[in-house]
Protein backbone atom coordinates (compact mmCIF):
# COMPACT_ATOMS: atom_id res chain seq x y z
CA MET A 1 0.96 -3.79 -20.47
CA TYR A 2 -1.00 -3.28 -23.62
CA ALA A 3 -3.19 -0.39 -24.75
CA GLY A 4 -6.88 -1.22 -25.01
CA ASP A 5 -6.48 -4.29 -22.80
CA HIS A 6 -9.31 -5.89 -20.80
CA PRO A 7 -10.06 -5.22 -17.13
CA PRO A 8 -9.13 -5.67 -14.36
CA PRO A 9 -6.00 -3.50 -14.42
CA HIS A 10 -3.12 -5.94 -14.78
CA PHE A 11 0.36 -6.48 -16.12
CA HIS A 12 2.05 -9.42 -17.80
CA ILE A 13 5.17 -11.21 -16.61
CA ARG A 14 7.22 -13.05 -19.21
CA ALA A 15 9.97 -15.27 -17.82
CA ASN A 16 13.23 -16.32 -19.46
CA ASP A 17 12.05 -19.94 -19.61
CA GLY A 18 8.94 -18.98 -21.58
CA GLY A 19 6.58 -18.96 -18.60
CA GLU A 20 3.96 -16.23 -18.42
CA ALA A 21 1.58 -14.83 -15.84
CA LEU A 22 -1.09 -12.16 -15.67
CA VAL A 23 -1.04 -10.16 -12.40
CA GLU A 24 -3.74 -7.83 -11.07
CA ILE A 25 -2.20 -4.48 -10.12
CA VAL A 26 -4.27 -3.71 -7.00
CA SER A 27 -4.02 -7.09 -5.25
CA LEU A 28 -0.85 -8.39 -6.97
CA GLU A 29 -2.73 -11.66 -7.36
CA ILE A 30 -1.73 -13.96 -10.21
CA LEU A 31 -4.89 -14.20 -12.29
CA ARG A 32 -3.57 -16.63 -14.86
CA GLY A 33 -0.38 -18.48 -15.68
CA LYS A 34 2.48 -20.10 -13.84
CA LEU A 35 6.06 -19.12 -13.09
CA VAL A 36 8.83 -20.54 -10.97
CA ARG A 37 8.87 -19.21 -7.41
CA ARG A 38 12.06 -17.12 -7.79
CA GLU A 39 10.72 -15.28 -10.83
CA VAL A 40 7.41 -14.60 -9.10
CA ALA A 41 9.23 -13.23 -6.05
CA GLU A 42 11.41 -10.90 -8.13
CA ALA A 43 8.47 -9.58 -10.14
CA MET A 44 6.24 -9.11 -7.08
CA ASP A 45 8.98 -7.30 -5.17
CA TRP A 46 9.35 -4.88 -8.07
CA ALA A 47 5.58 -4.52 -8.57
CA SER A 48 4.87 -3.87 -4.88
CA THR A 49 7.20 -0.87 -4.89
CA HIS A 50 5.87 0.38 -8.26
CA GLN A 51 2.09 -0.13 -7.89
CA ASP A 52 1.32 3.58 -8.33
CA PHE A 53 3.40 3.68 -11.51
CA LEU A 54 1.74 0.51 -12.81
CA MET A 55 -1.77 1.86 -12.17
CA GLN A 56 -0.96 5.24 -13.71
CA THR A 57 0.45 3.53 -16.79
CA TRP A 58 -2.60 1.25 -17.02
CA LYS A 59 -4.94 4.26 -16.90
CA GLU A 60 -2.94 6.13 -19.55
CA LEU A 61 -3.01 3.13 -21.90
CA ASN A 62 -6.62 2.14 -21.30
CA SER A 63 -8.66 5.32 -20.87
């Protein structure tokens, strides 16, 4: 996440192979980018259990 970033609330995934994706926090939808399935699954598993933390952090950085 970056301070002063554009809506909607989102986070960035950066993979070891250089792949990147932008994921909306509320829906966990990939808004942009591509990753291999395993990396998406790992990131989404983590994000789904940390959505409140992600949204709180987004608000702190972007309010």
